Every structure is written in C-alpha cells, then in structure tokens.
C-alpha cells in the first residue's frame, strides 16, 4: 500500500511541476506570492481590522493567535526532523526550480500546519465560522 501512495505522490507532483515554466505570468505571480514579505500587508490589514472591530478581544486574541501559530511552527519543525522526508527538489534532481529548494525536510508542511492552527483558533473564538469550515473538512 505504501508503494502505491508513493507512486501516486510522485505522479501528482511531476504533473503539477510540469506547469512550471509554461507561463511567464503565472511563474511571476507565484514567485511573488512565495515572498515572505508579501504576507505582512494582509496580516497588518487583518490585525488593524480586528483591533478596530473589537479592540478588547484583539488585545488578547492577537497574542494568543501568534503564540499558537508560533508553537505549531516549532512543532512542525521538530516533526520534520522526525519524519525526515526529503523535499522533491532533493529527490528529483532534474527539476526546473524557480525559487530554490528550500530548507530542511518537507513533511509536515508548516504552511498547512500554521493555517490549520489559525483556523482552529478562530473557529473556537468565533463558533459561527464552524458552519463554514465544517462542510469543507467534515
């Protein structure tokens, strides 16, 4: 069973990666989206809106959310060392890399882990968001 999953993973990765270099506009767009500094603008807007909308809640909510995401990022980094799954660019040496290979290992995805942590925190803080999230994940 593991071999089947690994083969599907390889096929899917190579199919998606085959799109790189096909469209200069898409390549530029996704390179720009991968820059860490681009996250600061929407983050600042969200913090500003939350502070304006309900500043009492934001005073404790923002640090708690930051702590939760920071902890999930740390745990994800430790799990990467435990799983030790190489990045695709370390396995497939013939890839057309647009932004470089990245850091350590690839599993788990800290992007996914941090996003899930933030979504869970906000779903607990705002239970109505569970009505939007639940049909998607459950």
N, C-alpha and C. Protein backbone atom coordinates (compact mmCIF):
# COMPACT_ATOMS: atom_id res chain seq x y z
N UNK A 1 0.83 -1.20 0.00
CA UNK A 1 0.00 0.00 0.00
C UNK A 1 0.88 1.26 0.00
N UNK A 2 1.96 1.24 0.78
CA UNK A 2 2.83 2.40 0.85
C UNK A 2 3.42 2.71 -0.52
N UNK A 3 3.76 1.69 -1.28
CA UNK A 3 4.35 1.90 -2.60
C UNK A 3 3.36 2.59 -3.54
N UNK A 4 2.08 2.23 -3.42
CA UNK A 4 1.04 2.85 -4.25
C UNK A 4 0.93 4.34 -3.92
N UNK A 5 0.93 4.66 -2.64
CA UNK A 5 0.83 6.06 -2.21
C UNK A 5 2.04 6.85 -2.69
N UNK A 6 3.22 6.26 -2.56
CA UNK A 6 4.45 6.94 -3.00
C UNK A 6 4.41 7.16 -4.51
N UNK A 7 3.92 6.20 -5.26
CA UNK A 7 3.85 6.34 -6.71
C UNK A 7 2.84 7.41 -7.11
N UNK A 8 1.68 7.44 -6.47
CA UNK A 8 0.69 8.49 -6.76
C UNK A 8 1.24 9.86 -6.39
N UNK A 9 1.96 9.94 -5.29
CA UNK A 9 2.57 11.19 -4.87
C UNK A 9 3.56 11.67 -5.93
N UNK A 10 4.36 10.77 -6.46
CA UNK A 10 5.35 11.11 -7.48
C UNK A 10 4.66 11.58 -8.76
N UNK A 11 3.64 10.85 -9.19
CA UNK A 11 2.92 11.20 -10.43
C UNK A 11 2.26 12.57 -10.30
N UNK A 12 1.58 12.80 -9.18
CA UNK A 12 0.90 14.07 -8.97
C UNK A 12 1.89 15.23 -8.91
N UNK A 13 2.99 15.03 -8.19
CA UNK A 13 4.00 16.10 -8.09
C UNK A 13 4.55 16.45 -9.47
N UNK A 14 4.93 15.45 -10.25
CA UNK A 14 5.51 15.71 -11.57
C UNK A 14 4.49 16.36 -12.51
N UNK A 15 3.21 15.99 -12.38
CA UNK A 15 2.18 16.61 -13.21
C UNK A 15 2.02 18.09 -12.87
N UNK A 16 1.99 18.41 -11.60
CA UNK A 16 1.86 19.81 -11.18
C UNK A 16 3.13 20.58 -11.53
N UNK A 17 4.27 19.97 -11.28
CA UNK A 17 5.53 20.65 -11.56
C UNK A 17 5.71 20.92 -13.06
N UNK A 18 5.10 20.08 -13.90
CA UNK A 18 5.19 20.27 -15.34
C UNK A 18 4.60 21.59 -15.80
N UNK A 19 3.80 22.23 -14.95
CA UNK A 19 3.21 23.53 -15.29
C UNK A 19 4.22 24.67 -15.13
N UNK A 20 5.27 24.46 -14.33
CA UNK A 20 6.28 25.50 -14.11
C UNK A 20 7.01 25.79 -15.41
N UNK A 21 7.23 27.05 -15.68
CA UNK A 21 7.92 27.45 -16.88
C UNK A 21 7.05 27.53 -18.12
N UNK A 22 5.77 27.19 -18.01
CA UNK A 22 4.87 27.21 -19.16
C UNK A 22 4.24 28.59 -19.38
N UNK A 23 4.14 29.37 -18.32
CA UNK A 23 3.51 30.69 -18.43
C UNK A 23 4.33 31.69 -17.62
N UNK A 24 5.00 32.62 -18.28
CA UNK A 24 5.77 33.63 -17.53
C UNK A 24 4.92 34.42 -16.54
N UNK A 25 3.66 34.67 -16.89
CA UNK A 25 2.79 35.43 -15.99
C UNK A 25 2.51 34.64 -14.71
N UNK A 26 2.17 33.35 -14.85
CA UNK A 26 1.92 32.52 -13.68
C UNK A 26 3.21 32.32 -12.86
N UNK A 27 4.33 32.11 -13.55
CA UNK A 27 5.59 31.95 -12.84
C UNK A 27 5.89 33.19 -12.00
N UNK A 28 5.71 34.38 -12.59
CA UNK A 28 5.96 35.62 -11.86
C UNK A 28 5.01 35.74 -10.67
N UNK A 29 3.71 35.48 -10.91
CA UNK A 29 2.70 35.61 -9.86
C UNK A 29 3.03 34.71 -8.67
N UNK A 30 3.32 33.44 -8.93
CA UNK A 30 3.56 32.52 -7.82
C UNK A 30 4.91 32.77 -7.14
N UNK A 31 5.88 33.29 -7.87
CA UNK A 31 7.13 33.70 -7.22
C UNK A 31 6.88 34.86 -6.28
N UNK A 32 6.08 35.81 -6.71
CA UNK A 32 5.75 36.95 -5.85
C UNK A 32 4.97 36.50 -4.61
N UNK A 33 4.04 35.57 -4.80
CA UNK A 33 3.25 35.08 -3.67
C UNK A 33 4.10 34.29 -2.67
N UNK A 34 5.24 33.78 -3.11
CA UNK A 34 6.08 32.99 -2.21
C UNK A 34 7.02 33.85 -1.38
N UNK A 35 7.09 35.13 -1.65
CA UNK A 35 7.96 36.02 -0.87
C UNK A 35 7.34 36.27 0.50
N UNK A 36 8.16 36.08 1.54
CA UNK A 36 7.65 36.20 2.91
C UNK A 36 7.12 37.59 3.21
N UNK A 37 7.72 38.62 2.67
CA UNK A 37 7.30 39.99 2.95
C UNK A 37 5.89 40.29 2.47
N UNK A 38 5.40 39.55 1.49
CA UNK A 38 4.04 39.79 0.98
C UNK A 38 2.97 39.41 1.97
N UNK A 39 3.31 38.64 2.98
CA UNK A 39 2.34 38.26 4.00
C UNK A 39 2.08 39.40 4.98
N UNK A 40 3.00 40.35 5.06
CA UNK A 40 2.87 41.42 6.05
C UNK A 40 1.69 42.35 5.77
N UNK A 41 1.41 42.64 4.52
CA UNK A 41 0.32 43.58 4.20
C UNK A 41 -1.04 43.00 4.61
N UNK A 42 -1.42 41.80 4.16
CA UNK A 42 -2.73 41.29 4.61
C UNK A 42 -2.77 41.03 6.11
N UNK A 43 -1.64 40.65 6.70
CA UNK A 43 -1.59 40.45 8.15
C UNK A 43 -1.83 41.76 8.89
N UNK A 44 -1.19 42.83 8.45
CA UNK A 44 -1.39 44.14 9.07
C UNK A 44 -2.82 44.62 8.90
N UNK A 45 -3.41 44.39 7.72
CA UNK A 45 -4.80 44.77 7.50
C UNK A 45 -5.75 43.99 8.40
N UNK A 46 -5.50 42.69 8.56
CA UNK A 46 -6.35 41.86 9.42
C UNK A 46 -6.23 42.29 10.88
N UNK A 47 -5.02 42.54 11.34
CA UNK A 47 -4.82 43.00 12.72
C UNK A 47 -5.48 44.36 12.93
N UNK A 48 -5.32 45.26 11.96
CA UNK A 48 -5.95 46.58 12.06
C UNK A 48 -7.47 46.49 12.11
N UNK A 49 -8.03 45.64 11.25
CA UNK A 49 -9.48 45.48 11.23
C UNK A 49 -9.98 44.86 12.53
N UNK A 50 -9.31 43.83 13.01
CA UNK A 50 -9.72 43.17 14.26
C UNK A 50 -9.64 44.16 15.42
N UNK A 51 -8.58 44.95 15.45
CA UNK A 51 -8.42 45.94 16.52
C UNK A 51 -9.51 47.01 16.44
N UNK A 52 -9.89 47.42 15.24
CA UNK A 52 -10.94 48.42 15.08
C UNK A 52 -12.30 47.83 15.41
N UNK A 53 -12.55 46.61 14.99
CA UNK A 53 -13.85 45.96 15.16
C UNK A 53 -14.12 45.63 16.62
N UNK A 54 -13.14 45.06 17.32
CA UNK A 54 -13.32 44.67 18.72
C UNK A 54 -11.95 44.70 19.40
N UNK A 55 -11.52 45.88 19.82
CA UNK A 55 -10.17 46.03 20.32
C UNK A 55 -9.92 45.27 21.61
N UNK A 56 -10.94 45.11 22.47
CA UNK A 56 -10.75 44.35 23.71
C UNK A 56 -10.41 42.89 23.42
N UNK A 57 -11.12 42.33 22.47
CA UNK A 57 -10.85 40.95 22.07
C UNK A 57 -9.51 40.84 21.37
N UNK A 58 -9.17 41.80 20.55
CA UNK A 58 -7.92 41.77 19.80
C UNK A 58 -6.71 41.88 20.72
N UNK A 59 -6.86 42.58 21.85
CA UNK A 59 -5.74 42.76 22.78
C UNK A 59 -5.22 41.42 23.29
N UNK A 60 -6.12 40.48 23.56
CA UNK A 60 -5.65 39.16 24.00
C UNK A 60 -5.66 38.14 22.87
N UNK A 61 -6.53 38.32 21.88
CA UNK A 61 -6.65 37.36 20.79
C UNK A 61 -5.44 37.34 19.87
N UNK A 62 -4.91 38.51 19.54
CA UNK A 62 -3.76 38.58 18.63
C UNK A 62 -2.53 37.90 19.23
N UNK A 63 -2.16 38.20 20.49
CA UNK A 63 -1.01 37.48 21.06
C UNK A 63 -1.25 35.97 21.20
N UNK A 64 -2.46 35.57 21.55
CA UNK A 64 -2.76 34.13 21.67
C UNK A 64 -2.67 33.44 20.31
N UNK A 65 -3.20 34.08 19.29
CA UNK A 65 -3.12 33.53 17.95
C UNK A 65 -1.66 33.43 17.50
N UNK A 66 -0.90 34.48 17.75
CA UNK A 66 0.53 34.46 17.41
C UNK A 66 1.29 33.37 18.14
N UNK A 67 0.98 33.20 19.43
CA UNK A 67 1.62 32.14 20.21
C UNK A 67 1.24 30.76 19.67
N UNK A 68 -0.02 30.57 19.37
CA UNK A 68 -0.47 29.28 18.83
C UNK A 68 0.19 28.94 17.51
N UNK A 69 0.24 29.91 16.60
CA UNK A 69 0.88 29.68 15.30
C UNK A 69 2.38 29.47 15.48
N UNK A 70 2.99 30.23 16.39
CA UNK A 70 4.42 30.04 16.66
C UNK A 70 4.72 28.66 17.22
N UNK A 71 3.86 28.19 18.12
CA UNK A 71 4.05 26.85 18.67
C UNK A 71 3.86 25.77 17.60
N UNK A 72 2.86 25.93 16.75
CA UNK A 72 2.65 24.93 15.69
C UNK A 72 3.82 24.94 14.70
N UNK A 73 4.39 26.11 14.45
CA UNK A 73 5.54 26.20 13.57
C UNK A 73 6.74 25.47 14.18
N UNK A 74 6.93 25.63 15.48
CA UNK A 74 8.02 24.94 16.18
C UNK A 74 7.81 23.43 16.15
N UNK A 75 6.60 22.99 16.48
CA UNK A 75 6.30 21.55 16.48
C UNK A 75 6.47 20.98 15.07
N UNK A 76 6.03 21.72 14.06
CA UNK A 76 6.20 21.27 12.68
C UNK A 76 7.67 21.10 12.32
N UNK A 77 8.50 22.02 12.78
CA UNK A 77 9.94 21.91 12.53
C UNK A 77 10.53 20.68 13.19
N UNK A 78 10.06 20.36 14.40
CA UNK A 78 10.55 19.16 15.09
C UNK A 78 10.06 17.90 14.41
N UNK A 79 8.81 17.90 13.94
CA UNK A 79 8.28 16.74 13.23
C UNK A 79 9.01 16.50 11.91
N UNK A 80 9.44 17.58 11.26
CA UNK A 80 10.22 17.42 10.03
C UNK A 80 11.48 16.60 10.30
N UNK A 81 12.13 16.87 11.41
CA UNK A 81 13.34 16.11 11.76
C UNK A 81 13.01 14.66 12.07
N UNK A 82 11.84 14.41 12.64
CA UNK A 82 11.45 13.04 12.98
C UNK A 82 11.07 12.25 11.73
N UNK A 83 10.25 12.86 10.84
CA UNK A 83 9.85 12.16 9.61
C UNK A 83 10.99 12.08 8.60
N UNK A 84 11.79 13.13 8.53
CA UNK A 84 12.96 13.21 7.64
C UNK A 84 12.62 12.87 6.18
N UNK A 85 11.49 13.36 5.72
CA UNK A 85 11.11 13.14 4.33
C UNK A 85 11.78 14.20 3.46
N UNK A 86 12.60 13.79 2.49
CA UNK A 86 13.30 14.79 1.67
C UNK A 86 12.33 15.60 0.81
N UNK A 87 12.75 16.79 0.49
CA UNK A 87 11.96 17.63 -0.41
C UNK A 87 12.04 17.07 -1.82
N UNK A 88 11.01 17.31 -2.62
CA UNK A 88 11.04 16.79 -4.00
C UNK A 88 12.26 17.27 -4.79
N UNK A 89 12.71 18.50 -4.54
CA UNK A 89 13.87 19.00 -5.28
C UNK A 89 15.16 18.28 -4.87
N UNK A 90 15.15 17.59 -3.75
CA UNK A 90 16.30 16.80 -3.34
C UNK A 90 16.24 15.39 -3.94
N UNK A 91 15.05 14.95 -4.33
CA UNK A 91 14.86 13.61 -4.91
C UNK A 91 14.93 13.67 -6.43
N UNK A 92 14.19 14.61 -7.04
CA UNK A 92 14.15 14.77 -8.49
C UNK A 92 15.14 15.87 -8.87
N UNK A 93 16.32 15.50 -9.23
CA UNK A 93 17.39 16.48 -9.47
C UNK A 93 17.23 17.24 -10.78
N UNK A 94 16.36 16.79 -11.67
CA UNK A 94 16.17 17.43 -12.98
C UNK A 94 15.09 18.51 -12.98
N UNK A 95 14.63 18.93 -11.83
CA UNK A 95 13.51 19.89 -11.76
C UNK A 95 13.92 21.28 -12.19
N UNK A 96 12.96 22.00 -12.73
CA UNK A 96 13.14 23.41 -13.10
C UNK A 96 12.72 24.25 -11.89
N UNK A 97 13.68 24.57 -11.04
CA UNK A 97 13.37 25.32 -9.82
C UNK A 97 13.32 26.81 -10.11
N UNK A 98 12.24 27.44 -9.70
CA UNK A 98 12.08 28.86 -9.92
C UNK A 98 12.57 29.68 -8.73
N UNK A 99 12.47 29.13 -7.52
CA UNK A 99 12.84 29.89 -6.32
C UNK A 99 13.84 29.16 -5.42
N UNK A 100 14.34 28.02 -5.79
CA UNK A 100 15.29 27.31 -4.95
C UNK A 100 14.62 26.16 -4.22
N UNK A 101 15.45 25.40 -3.54
CA UNK A 101 14.98 24.14 -2.97
C UNK A 101 14.34 24.29 -1.59
N UNK A 102 14.69 25.26 -0.84
CA UNK A 102 14.08 25.40 0.49
C UNK A 102 15.00 24.89 1.58
N UNK A 103 14.44 24.77 2.77
CA UNK A 103 15.23 24.43 3.95
C UNK A 103 15.41 22.95 4.18
N UNK A 104 14.91 22.49 5.30
CA UNK A 104 15.16 21.11 5.73
C UNK A 104 14.26 20.13 4.99
N UNK A 105 13.53 19.36 5.72
CA UNK A 105 12.68 18.32 5.14
C UNK A 105 11.30 18.88 4.79
N UNK A 106 10.46 18.01 4.19
CA UNK A 106 9.20 18.52 3.64
C UNK A 106 7.94 18.14 4.41
N UNK A 107 8.01 17.20 5.33
CA UNK A 107 6.79 16.73 5.99
C UNK A 107 6.90 16.94 7.49
N UNK A 108 5.95 17.58 8.11
CA UNK A 108 4.71 18.15 7.59
C UNK A 108 4.95 19.52 6.97
N UNK A 109 3.97 19.97 6.22
CA UNK A 109 4.02 21.31 5.65
C UNK A 109 3.70 22.31 6.76
N UNK A 110 4.65 23.17 7.07
CA UNK A 110 4.39 24.17 8.10
C UNK A 110 3.34 25.18 7.65
N UNK A 111 3.23 25.42 6.32
CA UNK A 111 2.18 26.31 5.84
C UNK A 111 0.81 25.74 6.21
N UNK A 112 0.62 24.45 5.95
CA UNK A 112 -0.67 23.82 6.25
C UNK A 112 -0.91 23.75 7.75
N UNK A 113 0.13 23.41 8.51
CA UNK A 113 0.01 23.29 9.96
C UNK A 113 -0.35 24.63 10.59
N UNK A 114 0.33 25.69 10.17
CA UNK A 114 0.06 27.02 10.73
C UNK A 114 -1.33 27.53 10.34
N UNK A 115 -1.74 27.27 9.11
CA UNK A 115 -3.07 27.68 8.66
C UNK A 115 -4.16 26.93 9.43
N UNK A 116 -3.96 25.64 9.64
CA UNK A 116 -4.93 24.85 10.39
C UNK A 116 -5.01 25.33 11.84
N UNK A 117 -3.88 25.68 12.43
CA UNK A 117 -3.87 26.19 13.80
C UNK A 117 -4.65 27.50 13.88
N UNK A 118 -4.40 28.41 12.95
CA UNK A 118 -5.11 29.69 12.95
C UNK A 118 -6.61 29.47 12.73
N UNK A 119 -6.97 28.57 11.82
CA UNK A 119 -8.39 28.29 11.56
C UNK A 119 -9.07 27.69 12.78
N UNK A 120 -8.39 26.77 13.46
CA UNK A 120 -8.97 26.16 14.66
C UNK A 120 -9.15 27.20 15.77
N UNK A 121 -8.15 28.07 15.95
CA UNK A 121 -8.25 29.12 16.97
C UNK A 121 -9.43 30.04 16.68
N UNK A 122 -9.55 30.46 15.44
CA UNK A 122 -10.63 31.38 15.07
C UNK A 122 -11.99 30.69 15.12
N UNK A 123 -12.04 29.38 14.84
CA UNK A 123 -13.31 28.65 14.93
C UNK A 123 -13.76 28.52 16.38
N UNK A 124 -12.82 28.41 17.31
CA UNK A 124 -13.18 28.36 18.74
C UNK A 124 -13.62 29.75 19.20
N UNK A 125 -12.90 30.78 18.75
CA UNK A 125 -13.22 32.15 19.15
C UNK A 125 -14.54 32.62 18.52
N UNK A 126 -14.77 32.22 17.28
CA UNK A 126 -15.98 32.59 16.55
C UNK A 126 -16.69 31.32 16.09
N UNK A 127 -17.53 30.72 16.92
CA UNK A 127 -18.17 29.45 16.57
C UNK A 127 -18.96 29.47 15.26
N UNK A 128 -19.45 30.62 14.85
CA UNK A 128 -20.20 30.69 13.60
C UNK A 128 -19.34 30.31 12.40
N UNK A 129 -18.01 30.52 12.51
CA UNK A 129 -17.15 30.13 11.39
C UNK A 129 -17.13 28.62 11.23
N UNK A 130 -17.47 27.88 12.27
CA UNK A 130 -17.54 26.42 12.17
C UNK A 130 -18.56 25.97 11.15
N UNK A 131 -19.61 26.76 10.95
CA UNK A 131 -20.61 26.41 9.94
C UNK A 131 -20.04 26.51 8.53
N UNK A 132 -19.05 27.35 8.37
CA UNK A 132 -18.39 27.49 7.06
C UNK A 132 -17.32 26.42 6.92
N UNK A 133 -16.55 26.19 7.98
CA UNK A 133 -15.43 25.25 7.93
C UNK A 133 -15.90 23.81 7.94
N UNK A 134 -16.90 23.46 8.75
CA UNK A 134 -17.32 22.07 8.92
C UNK A 134 -17.68 21.37 7.61
N UNK A 135 -18.52 21.96 6.73
CA UNK A 135 -18.85 21.24 5.49
C UNK A 135 -17.61 20.98 4.62
N UNK A 136 -16.59 21.82 4.74
CA UNK A 136 -15.40 21.65 3.92
C UNK A 136 -14.55 20.49 4.44
N UNK A 137 -14.38 20.38 5.78
CA UNK A 137 -13.48 19.38 6.31
C UNK A 137 -14.20 18.16 6.85
N UNK A 138 -15.48 18.20 7.04
CA UNK A 138 -16.10 17.06 7.66
C UNK A 138 -17.32 16.63 6.99
